[in-house]
Protein backbone atom coordinates (compact mmCIF):
# COMPACT_ATOMS: atom_id res chain seq x y z
CA MET A 1 6.30 2.56 9.25
CA LEU A 2 3.22 0.37 9.44
CA GLN A 3 2.38 -1.49 12.70
CA GLY A 4 2.21 -5.21 12.64
CA PRO A 5 -1.20 -6.94 12.89
CA SER A 6 -2.86 -6.88 16.22
CA TRP A 7 -3.98 -10.54 16.12
CA GLY A 8 -0.54 -12.10 16.99
CA ALA A 9 0.67 -13.18 13.62
CA ARG A 10 4.02 -14.96 13.33
CA PRO A 11 6.91 -12.61 12.13
CA GLU A 12 6.89 -14.01 8.60
CA GLU A 13 3.05 -13.34 8.53
CA GLN A 14 3.41 -9.91 9.62
CA ASP A 15 5.25 -8.99 6.35
CA VAL A 16 2.38 -10.49 4.29
CA SER A 17 -0.20 -8.65 6.53
CA ARG A 18 1.60 -5.32 6.05
CA ALA A 19 1.77 -5.85 2.29
CA LEU A 20 -1.97 -6.62 2.09
CA ASP A 21 -2.71 -3.57 4.19
CA GLU A 22 -0.63 -1.35 1.86
CA LEU A 23 -2.69 -2.69 -1.08
CA ALA A 24 -5.92 -1.28 0.55
CA VAL A 25 -9.31 -1.91 -0.85
CA TRP A 26 -8.95 -0.43 -4.38
CA ARG A 27 -5.12 -0.49 -4.92
CA VAL A 28 -3.43 -2.71 -7.31
CA ARG A 29 0.01 -2.66 -9.14
CA ALA A 30 0.19 0.20 -11.62
CA GLY A 31 -1.23 -0.84 -15.02
CA ALA A 32 -2.45 -4.30 -13.76
CA PRO A 33 -5.52 -5.51 -15.60
CA TRP A 34 -7.08 -7.10 -12.39
CA HIS A 35 -8.88 -5.99 -9.30
CA ALA A 36 -7.76 -5.79 -5.69
CA GLY A 37 -9.10 -9.16 -4.70
CA TRP A 38 -6.96 -10.94 -7.35
CA GLU A 39 -4.01 -8.79 -6.27
CA ARG A 40 -4.35 -10.08 -2.70
CA LYS A 41 -4.40 -13.71 -3.86
CA LEU A 42 -1.26 -13.03 -6.00
CA VAL A 43 0.47 -11.57 -2.93
CA LEU A 44 -0.68 -14.60 -0.77
CA LEU A 45 0.65 -16.89 -3.60
CA GLU A 46 4.05 -15.17 -3.67
CA ALA A 47 4.26 -15.56 0.19
CA PHE A 48 3.31 -19.25 -0.10
CA HIS A 49 6.12 -19.85 -2.80
CA ALA A 50 8.57 -17.74 -0.69
CA GLN A 51 8.01 -20.16 2.29
CA GLY A 52 8.80 -23.15 0.01
CA GLY A 53 5.23 -24.00 -1.27
CA ARG A 54 4.99 -25.73 -4.63
CA ARG A 55 2.52 -25.18 -7.49
CA GLY A 56 1.90 -28.79 -7.67
CA GLU A 57 0.78 -28.78 -3.95
CA LEU A 58 -1.87 -26.24 -4.96
CA LEU A 59 -3.10 -28.08 -7.95
CA ALA A 60 -3.42 -31.39 -6.17
CA GLY A 61 -6.28 -30.21 -4.05
CA ARG A 62 -7.45 -28.16 -1.14
CA ARG A 63 -4.58 -26.11 0.26
CA VAL A 64 -5.40 -23.44 2.85
CA PHE A 65 -2.59 -20.84 3.28
CA ARG A 66 -3.32 -18.04 5.85
CA GLY A 67 -6.97 -18.62 5.66
CA ASP A 68 -7.40 -18.82 1.93
CA ASP A 69 -7.72 -21.87 0.00
CA LEU A 70 -5.08 -21.04 -2.59
CA GLY A 71 -5.45 -24.50 -4.16
CA LYS A 72 -9.01 -23.79 -5.25
CA TRP A 73 -8.06 -20.38 -6.39
CA LEU A 74 -5.22 -21.46 -8.62
CA ARG A 75 -7.26 -24.35 -10.07
CA ASP A 76 -9.90 -21.91 -10.81
CA GLN A 77 -7.49 -19.60 -12.67
CA HIS A 78 -6.19 -22.61 -14.68
CA ARG A 79 -9.83 -23.45 -15.73
CA ARG A 80 -10.48 -19.83 -16.72
CA TRP A 81 -7.17 -19.28 -18.35
CA PRO A 82 -5.99 -22.55 -20.04
CA GLN A 83 -2.70 -20.87 -21.21
CA LEU A 84 -1.46 -20.74 -17.48
CA ALA A 85 -1.08 -24.56 -17.55
CA GLU A 86 1.84 -24.06 -20.05
CA GLU A 87 3.68 -21.66 -17.79
């Protein structure tokens, strides 16, 4: 079993930290067409949603969650992939 982070994260953050550690630098979901950096943002986005975060919150402006500006990241994804706005 993996140890929790040494930087004193809250219990709910420890689960995300473990998940990110398990991803390692080059690991992504089997068959995924994206890189590890994108995978890490997806894991953070899933954690944000699990804690009650809403997509509208992210699209409205800057929204830092666990050190990453998920709002900027999601808006960038919408600009690059317009079909995301429909989903």
